[in-house]
Amino acid sequence: MKQVLIKQGHSVVEEVPAPCVEKGRVLVQVDHSCISPGTELSSLQGSGEPLWKKALKNPQKVKKAIEMVMAQGTSRQGNY
């Protein structure tokens, strides 16, 4: 199956394996999908920038992420 991916600041269409149904999970068939130009363009523009540069530009987000990891840990359990 084909999937749109964002790699190093560019969108690409790649062939990916079909998802597998696991015990306790549900596989949903998508009939239609839409790529939102505003949201996707924003993601695309930010994806080519290294994480360390993003951290330097937004130190408050780094602090928030560290506080969240300290409070909640690095893995979530339960329903999403």
PDB file of N, CA and C in Angstrom:
ATOM      1  N   MET A   1       0.842  -1.167   0.000  1.00  0.00           N
ATOM      2  CA  MET A   1       0.000   0.000   0.000  1.00  0.00           C
ATOM      3  C   MET A   1       0.887   1.229   0.000  1.00  0.00           C
ATOM      4  N   LYS A   2       0.368   2.320  -0.497  1.00  0.00           N
ATOM      5  CA  LYS A   2       1.149   3.553  -0.582  1.00  0.00           C
ATOM      6  C   LYS A   2       0.823   4.467   0.596  1.00  0.00           C
ATOM      7  N   GLN A   3       1.832   5.220   1.027  1.00  0.00           N
ATOM      8  CA  GLN A   3       1.654   6.138   2.139  1.00  0.00           C
ATOM      9  C   GLN A   3       2.479   7.390   1.872  1.00  0.00           C
ATOM     10  N   VAL A   4       1.913   8.560   2.203  1.00  0.00           N
ATOM     11  CA  VAL A   4       2.644   9.820   2.092  1.00  0.00           C
ATOM     12  C   VAL A   4       3.459   9.990   3.366  1.00  0.00           C
ATOM     13  N   LEU A   5       4.761  10.197   3.222  1.00  0.00           N
ATOM     14  CA  LEU A   5       5.661  10.376   4.358  1.00  0.00           C
ATOM     15  C   LEU A   5       6.379  11.708   4.214  1.00  0.00           C
ATOM     16  N   ILE A   6       6.791  12.267   5.318  1.00  0.00           N
ATOM     17  CA  ILE A   6       7.607  13.479   5.292  1.00  0.00           C
ATOM     18  C   ILE A   6       9.005  13.083   5.720  1.00  0.00           C
ATOM     19  N   LYS A   7       9.957  13.304   4.810  1.00  0.00           N
ATOM     20  CA  LYS A   7      11.352  12.947   5.076  1.00  0.00           C
ATOM     21  C   LYS A   7      12.260  14.118   4.741  1.00  0.00           C
ATOM     22  N   GLN A   8      12.979  14.583   5.735  1.00  0.00           N
ATOM     23  CA  GLN A   8      13.973  15.643   5.575  1.00  0.00           C
ATOM     24  C   GLN A   8      13.415  16.850   4.822  1.00  0.00           C
ATOM     25  N   GLY A   9      12.218  17.270   5.216  1.00  0.00           N
ATOM     26  CA  GLY A   9      11.639  18.469   4.638  1.00  0.00           C
ATOM     27  C   GLY A   9      10.926  18.285   3.320  1.00  0.00           C
ATOM     28  N   HIS A  10      10.757  17.043   2.860  1.00  0.00           N
ATOM     29  CA  HIS A  10      10.078  16.782   1.588  1.00  0.00           C
ATOM     30  C   HIS A  10       9.013  15.712   1.792  1.00  0.00           C
ATOM     31  N   SER A  11       7.900  15.858   1.067  1.00  0.00           N
ATOM     32  CA  SER A  11       6.887  14.806   1.116  1.00  0.00           C
ATOM     33  C   SER A  11       7.176  13.803   0.009  1.00  0.00           C
ATOM     34  N   VAL A  12       7.069  12.528   0.340  1.00  0.00           N
ATOM     35  CA  VAL A  12       7.321  11.450  -0.614  1.00  0.00           C
ATOM     36  C   VAL A  12       6.229  10.394  -0.461  1.00  0.00           C
ATOM     37  N   VAL A  13       5.936   9.723  -1.555  1.00  0.00           N
ATOM     38  CA  VAL A  13       4.992   8.612  -1.528  1.00  0.00           C
ATOM     39  C   VAL A  13       5.811   7.332  -1.606  1.00  0.00           C
ATOM     40  N   GLU A  14       5.626   6.457  -0.620  1.00  0.00           N
ATOM     41  CA  GLU A  14       6.384   5.208  -0.587  1.00  0.00           C
ATOM     42  C   GLU A  14       5.448   4.020  -0.407  1.00  0.00           C
ATOM     43  N   GLU A  15       5.911   2.891  -0.878  1.00  0.00           N
ATOM     44  CA  GLU A  15       5.193   1.632  -0.673  1.00  0.00           C
ATOM     45  C   GLU A  15       5.543   1.131   0.732  1.00  0.00           C
ATOM     46  N   VAL A  16       4.524   0.841   1.535  1.00  0.00           N
ATOM     47  CA  VAL A  16       4.727   0.340   2.897  1.00  0.00           C
ATOM     48  C   VAL A  16       3.926  -0.941   3.079  1.00  0.00           C
ATOM     49  N   PRO A  17       4.322  -1.795   4.015  1.00  0.00           N
ATOM     50  CA  PRO A  17       3.559  -3.030   4.238  1.00  0.00           C
ATOM     51  C   PRO A  17       2.156  -2.725   4.764  1.00  0.00           C
ATOM     52  N   ALA A  18       1.205  -3.547   4.384  1.00  0.00           N
ATOM     53  CA  ALA A  18      -0.159  -3.402   4.895  1.00  0.00           C
ATOM     54  C   ALA A  18      -0.159  -3.679   6.399  1.00  0.00           C
ATOM     55  N   PRO A  19      -0.997  -2.983   7.151  1.00  0.00           N
ATOM     56  CA  PRO A  19      -1.042  -3.211   8.598  1.00  0.00           C
ATOM     57  C   PRO A  19      -1.593  -4.591   8.936  1.00  0.00           C
ATOM     58  N   CYS A  20      -1.152  -5.117  10.058  1.00  0.00           N
ATOM     59  CA  CYS A  20      -1.632  -6.420  10.537  1.00  0.00           C
ATOM     60  C   CYS A  20      -2.606  -6.200  11.682  1.00  0.00           C
ATOM     61  N   VAL A  21      -3.587  -7.048  11.773  1.00  0.00           N
ATOM     62  CA  VAL A  21      -4.532  -6.976  12.889  1.00  0.00           C
ATOM     63  C   VAL A  21      -3.955  -7.792  14.035  1.00  0.00           C
ATOM     64  N   GLU A  22      -3.792  -7.153  15.177  1.00  0.00           N
ATOM     65  CA  GLU A  22      -3.280  -7.824  16.360  1.00  0.00           C
ATOM     66  C   GLU A  22      -4.429  -8.101  17.325  1.00  0.00           C
ATOM     67  N   LYS A  23      -4.242  -9.062  18.188  1.00  0.00           N
ATOM     68  CA  LYS A  23      -5.253  -9.405  19.175  1.00  0.00           C
ATOM     69  C   LYS A  23      -5.568  -8.176  20.034  1.00  0.00           C
ATOM     70  N   GLY A  24      -6.838  -7.909  20.215  1.00  0.00           N
ATOM     71  CA  GLY A  24      -7.258  -6.774  21.028  1.00  0.00           C
ATOM     72  C   GLY A  24      -7.256  -5.451  20.283  1.00  0.00           C
ATOM     73  N   ARG A  25      -7.005  -5.475  18.975  1.00  0.00           N
ATOM     74  CA  ARG A  25      -6.958  -4.258  18.166  1.00  0.00           C
ATOM     75  C   ARG A  25      -7.999  -4.327  17.063  1.00  0.00           C
ATOM     76  N   VAL A  26      -8.284  -3.197  16.459  1.00  0.00           N
ATOM     77  CA  VAL A  26      -9.240  -3.117  15.362  1.00  0.00           C
ATOM     78  C   VAL A  26      -8.542  -2.475  14.168  1.00  0.00           C
ATOM     79  N   LEU A  27      -8.730  -3.047  12.988  1.00  0.00           N
ATOM     80  CA  LEU A  27      -8.194  -2.467  11.757  1.00  0.00           C
ATOM     81  C   LEU A  27      -9.334  -1.745  11.053  1.00  0.00           C
ATOM     82  N   VAL A  28      -9.147  -0.462  10.774  1.00  0.00           N
ATOM     83  CA  VAL A  28     -10.168   0.357  10.138  1.00  0.00           C
ATOM     84  C   VAL A  28      -9.768   0.618   8.697  1.00  0.00           C
ATOM     85  N   GLN A  29     -10.680   0.381   7.764  1.00  0.00           N
ATOM     86  CA  GLN A  29     -10.411   0.651   6.353  1.00  0.00           C
ATOM     87  C   GLN A  29     -10.808   2.098   6.063  1.00  0.00           C
ATOM     88  N   VAL A  30      -9.871   2.869   5.537  1.00  0.00           N
ATOM     89  CA  VAL A  30     -10.123   4.265   5.199  1.00  0.00           C
ATOM     90  C   VAL A  30     -10.610   4.330   3.758  1.00  0.00           C
ATOM     91  N   ASP A  31     -11.740   4.993   3.557  1.00  0.00           N
ATOM     92  CA  ASP A  31     -12.309   5.121   2.219  1.00  0.00           C
ATOM     93  C   ASP A  31     -11.795   6.380   1.529  1.00  0.00           C
ATOM     94  N   HIS A  32     -11.715   7.483   2.255  1.00  0.00           N
ATOM     95  CA  HIS A  32     -11.215   8.748   1.721  1.00  0.00           C
ATOM     96  C   HIS A  32     -10.307   9.392   2.765  1.00  0.00           C
ATOM     97  N   SER A  33      -9.366  10.172   2.287  1.00  0.00           N
ATOM     98  CA  SER A  33      -8.467  10.886   3.176  1.00  0.00           C
ATOM     99  C   SER A  33      -8.168  12.248   2.568  1.00  0.00           C
ATOM    100  N   CYS A  34      -7.814  13.184   3.405  1.00  0.00           N
ATOM    101  CA  CYS A  34      -7.516  14.539   2.932  1.00  0.00           C
ATOM    102  C   CYS A  34      -6.230  15.022   3.580  1.00  0.00           C
ATOM    103  N   ILE A  35      -5.426  15.676   2.805  1.00  0.00           N
ATOM    104  CA  ILE A  35      -4.227  16.315   3.351  1.00  0.00           C
ATOM    105  C   ILE A  35      -4.541  17.797   3.485  1.00  0.00           C
ATOM    106  N   SER A  36      -4.543  18.291   4.701  1.00  0.00           N
ATOM    107  CA  SER A  36      -4.820  19.706   4.962  1.00  0.00           C
ATOM    108  C   SER A  36      -3.604  20.536   4.571  1.00  0.00           C
ATOM    109  N   PRO A  37      -3.743  21.415   3.591  1.00  0.00           N
ATOM    110  CA  PRO A  37      -2.574  22.172   3.119  1.00  0.00           C
ATOM    111  C   PRO A  37      -1.875  22.970   4.214  1.00  0.00           C
ATOM    112  N   GLY A  38      -2.634  23.639   5.076  1.00  0.00           N
ATOM    113  CA  GLY A  38      -2.004  24.473   6.106  1.00  0.00           C
ATOM    114  C   GLY A  38      -1.227  23.662   7.121  1.00  0.00           C
ATOM    115  N   THR A  39      -1.869  22.644   7.675  1.00  0.00           N
ATOM    116  CA  THR A  39      -1.240  21.806   8.687  1.00  0.00           C
ATOM    117  C   THR A  39      -0.054  21.039   8.111  1.00  0.00           C
ATOM    118  N   GLU A  40      -0.264  20.435   6.950  1.00  0.00           N
ATOM    119  CA  GLU A  40       0.800  19.637   6.343  1.00  0.00           C
ATOM    120  C   GLU A  40       1.972  20.507   5.905  1.00  0.00           C
ATOM    121  N   LEU A  41       1.698  21.690   5.380  1.00  0.00           N
ATOM    122  CA  LEU A  41       2.784  22.584   4.963  1.00  0.00           C
ATOM    123  C   LEU A  41       3.611  23.005   6.163  1.00  0.00           C
ATOM    124  N   SER A  42       2.944  23.267   7.280  1.00  0.00           N
ATOM    125  CA  SER A  42       3.648  23.624   8.513  1.00  0.00           C
ATOM    126  C   SER A  42       4.542  22.477   8.977  1.00  0.00           C
ATOM    127  N   SER A  43       4.012  21.262   8.946  1.00  0.00           N
ATOM    128  CA  SER A  43       4.802  20.085   9.338  1.00  0.00           C
ATOM    129  C   SER A  43       5.970  19.877   8.394  1.00  0.00           C
ATOM    130  N   LEU A  44       5.713  20.066   7.123  1.00  0.00           N
ATOM    131  CA  LEU A  44       6.739  19.870   6.106  1.00  0.00           C
ATOM    132  C   LEU A  44       7.880  20.871   6.283  1.00  0.00           C
ATOM    133  N   GLN A  45       7.542  22.119   6.535  1.00  0.00           N
ATOM    134  CA  GLN A  45       8.565  23.153   6.697  1.00  0.00           C
ATOM    135  C   GLN A  45       9.424  22.903   7.934  1.00  0.00           C
ATOM    136  N   GLY A  46       8.835  22.388   8.993  1.00  0.00           N
ATOM    137  CA  GLY A  46       9.582  22.145  10.221  1.00  0.00           C
ATOM    138  C   GLY A  46      10.337  20.834  10.242  1.00  0.00           C
ATOM    139  N   SER A  47      10.031  19.927   9.314  1.00  0.00           N
ATOM    140  CA  SER A  47      10.621  18.593   9.369  1.00  0.00           C
ATOM    141  C   SER A  47      12.066  18.545   8.891  1.00  0.00           C
ATOM    142  N   GLY A  48      12.489  19.525   8.117  1.00  0.00           N
ATOM    143  CA  GLY A  48      13.853  19.507   7.605  1.00  0.00           C
ATOM    144  C   GLY A  48      14.870  20.075   8.587  1.00  0.00           C
ATOM    145  N   GLU A  49      14.391  20.609   9.688  1.00  0.00           N
ATOM    146  CA  GLU A  49      15.270  21.238  10.673  1.00  0.00           C
ATOM    147  C   GLU A  49      15.666  20.225  11.751  1.00  0.00           C
ATOM    148  N   PRO A  50      16.944  20.140  12.081  1.00  0.00           N
ATOM    149  CA  PRO A  50      17.389  19.205  13.129  1.00  0.00           C
ATOM    150  C   PRO A  50      16.740  19.521  14.482  1.00  0.00           C
ATOM    151  N   LEU A  51      16.556  18.484  15.274  1.00  0.00           N
ATOM    152  CA  LEU A  51      15.911  18.626  16.579  1.00  0.00           C
ATOM    153  C   LEU A  51      16.655  19.607  17.481  1.00  0.00           C
ATOM    154  N   TRP A  52      17.976  19.616  17.445  1.00  0.00           N
ATOM    155  CA  TRP A  52      18.723  20.507  18.329  1.00  0.00           C
ATOM    156  C   TRP A  52      18.472  21.973  17.970  1.00  0.00           C
ATOM    157  N   LYS A  53      18.253  22.275  16.693  1.00  0.00           N
ATOM    158  CA  LYS A  53      17.951  23.656  16.299  1.00  0.00           C
ATOM    159  C   LYS A  53      16.556  24.052  16.780  1.00  0.00           C
ATOM    160  N   LYS A  54      15.622  23.115  16.689  1.00  0.00           N
ATOM    161  CA  LYS A  54      14.275  23.380  17.187  1.00  0.00           C
ATOM    162  C   LYS A  54      14.319  23.648  18.687  1.00  0.00           C
ATOM    163  N   ALA A  55      15.131  22.884  19.407  1.00  0.00           N
ATOM    164  CA  ALA A  55      15.248  23.054  20.861  1.00  0.00           C
ATOM    165  C   ALA A  55      15.831  24.422  21.204  1.00  0.00           C
ATOM    166  N   LEU A  56      16.821  24.875  20.440  1.00  0.00           N
ATOM    167  CA  LEU A  56      17.406  26.192  20.696  1.00  0.00           C
ATOM    168  C   LEU A  56      16.414  27.324  20.441  1.00  0.00           C
ATOM    169  N   LYS A  57      15.543  27.143  19.454  1.00  0.00           N
ATOM    170  CA  LYS A  57      14.547  28.161  19.135  1.00  0.00           C
ATOM    171  C   LYS A  57      13.392  28.172  20.136  1.00  0.00           C
ATOM    172  N   ASN A  58      13.120  27.020  20.772  1.00  0.00           N
ATOM    173  CA  ASN A  58      11.978  26.901  21.678  1.00  0.00           C
ATOM    174  C   ASN A  58      12.369  26.254  23.000  1.00  0.00           C
ATOM    175  N   PRO A  59      13.213  26.907  23.796  1.00  0.00           N
ATOM    176  CA  PRO A  59      13.646  26.286  25.057  1.00  0.00           C
ATOM    177  C   PRO A  59      12.490  26.032  26.020  1.00  0.00           C
ATOM    178  N   GLN A  60      11.411  26.818  25.941  1.00  0.00           N
ATOM    179  CA  GLN A  60      10.261  26.603  26.827  1.00  0.00           C
ATOM    180  C   GLN A  60       9.591  25.272  26.523  1.00  0.00           C
ATOM    181  N   LYS A  61       9.593  24.833  25.253  1.00  0.00           N
ATOM    182  CA  LYS A  61       9.016  23.541  24.904  1.00  0.00           C
ATOM    183  C   LYS A  61       9.888  22.404  25.417  1.00  0.00           C
ATOM    184  N   VAL A  62      11.206  22.599  25.410  1.00  0.00           N
ATOM    185  CA  VAL A  62      12.112  21.581  25.940  1.00  0.00           C
ATOM    186  C   VAL A  62      11.864  21.418  27.434  1.00  0.00           C
ATOM    187  N   LYS A  63      11.739  22.534  28.133  1.00  0.00           N
ATOM    188  CA  LYS A  63      11.488  22.497  29.574  1.00  0.00           C
ATOM    189  C   LYS A  63      10.163  21.787  29.866  1.00  0.00           C
ATOM    190  N   LYS A  64       9.133  22.099  29.088  1.00  0.00           N
ATOM    191  CA  LYS A  64       7.826  21.468  29.278  1.00  0.00           C
ATOM    192  C   LYS A  64       7.906  19.966  29.037  1.00  0.00           C
ATOM    193  N   ALA A  65       8.629  19.554  28.015  1.00  0.00           N
ATOM    194  CA  ALA A  65       8.775  18.129  27.710  1.00  0.00           C
ATOM    195  C   ALA A  65       9.501  17.402  28.835  1.00  0.00           C
ATOM    196  N   ILE A  66      10.557  18.011  29.369  1.00  0.00           N
ATOM    197  CA  ILE A  66      11.311  17.403  30.470  1.00  0.00           C
ATOM    198  C   ILE A  66      10.424  17.267  31.705  1.00  0.00           C
ATOM    199  N   GLU A  67       9.651  18.298  32.007  1.00  0.00           N
ATOM    200  CA  GLU A  67       8.753  18.252  33.159  1.00  0.00           C
ATOM    201  C   GLU A  67       7.702  17.157  32.992  1.00  0.00           C
ATOM    202  N   MET A  68       7.191  17.005  31.774  1.00  0.00           N
ATOM    203  CA  MET A  68       6.177  15.982  31.520  1.00  0.00           C
ATOM    204  C   MET A  68       6.762  14.577  31.689  1.00  0.00           C
ATOM    205  N   VAL A  69       7.985  14.365  31.185  1.00  0.00           N
ATOM    206  CA  VAL A  69       8.633  13.057  31.326  1.00  0.00           C
ATOM    207  C   VAL A  69       8.907  12.758  32.798  1.00  0.00           C
ATOM    208  N   MET A  70       9.329  13.770  33.543  1.00  0.00           N
ATOM    209  CA  MET A  70       9.595  13.563  34.968  1.00  0.00           C
ATOM    210  C   MET A  70       8.311  13.205  35.724  1.00  0.00           C
ATOM    211  N   ALA A  71       7.195  13.809  35.329  1.00  0.00           N
ATOM    212  CA  ALA A  71       5.932  13.566  36.026  1.00  0.00           C
ATOM    213  C   ALA A  71       5.257  12.273  35.578  1.00  0.00           C
ATOM    214  N   GLN A  72       5.337  11.961  34.265  1.00  0.00           N
ATOM    215  CA  GLN A  72       4.564  10.843  33.727  1.00  0.00           C
ATOM    216  C   GLN A  72       5.413   9.666  33.271  1.00  0.00           C
ATOM    217  N   GLY A  73       6.702   9.842  33.160  1.00  0.00           N
ATOM    218  CA  GLY A  73       7.549   8.782  32.636  1.00  0.00           C
ATOM    219  C   GLY A  73       7.610   8.827  31.122  1.00  0.00           C
ATOM    220  N   THR A  74       8.255   7.838  30.527  1.00  0.00           N
ATOM    221  CA  THR A  74       8.445   7.846  29.079  1.00  0.00           C
ATOM    222  C   THR A  74       7.493   6.935  28.321  1.00  0.00           C
ATOM    223  N   SER A  75       6.675   6.157  29.019  1.00  0.00           N
ATOM    224  CA  SER A  75       5.729   5.284  28.310  1.00  0.00           C
ATOM    225  C   SER A  75       4.332   5.488  28.889  1.00  0.00           C
ATOM    226  N   ARG A  76       3.358   5.425  27.983  1.00  0.00           N
ATOM    227  CA  ARG A  76       1.969   5.545  28.408  1.00  0.00           C
ATOM    228  C   ARG A  76       1.332   4.176  28.394  1.00  0.00           C
ATOM    229  N   GLN A  77       0.545   3.898  29.368  1.00  0.00           N
ATOM    230  CA  GLN A  77      -0.188   2.641  29.418  1.00  0.00           C
ATOM    231  C   GLN A  77      -1.670   2.963  29.481  1.00  0.00           C
ATOM    232  N   GLY A  78      -2.466   2.067  28.960  1.00  0.00           N
ATOM    233  CA  GLY A  78      -3.906   2.274  29.007  1.00  0.00           C
ATOM    234  C   GLY A  78      -4.464   2.565  27.632  1.00  0.00           C
ATOM    235  N   ASN A  79      -5.678   3.082  27.615  1.00  0.00           N
ATOM    236  CA  ASN A  79      -6.349   3.370  26.356  1.00  0.00           C
ATOM    237  C   ASN A  79      -5.939   4.732  25.832  1.00  0.00           C
ATOM    238  N   TYR A  80      -5.850   4.828  24.522  1.00  0.00           N
ATOM    239  CA  TYR A  80      -5.496   6.104  23.894  1.00  0.00           C
ATOM    240  C   TYR A  80      -6.713   6.741  23.308  1.00  0.00           C
TER     241      TYR A  80
END
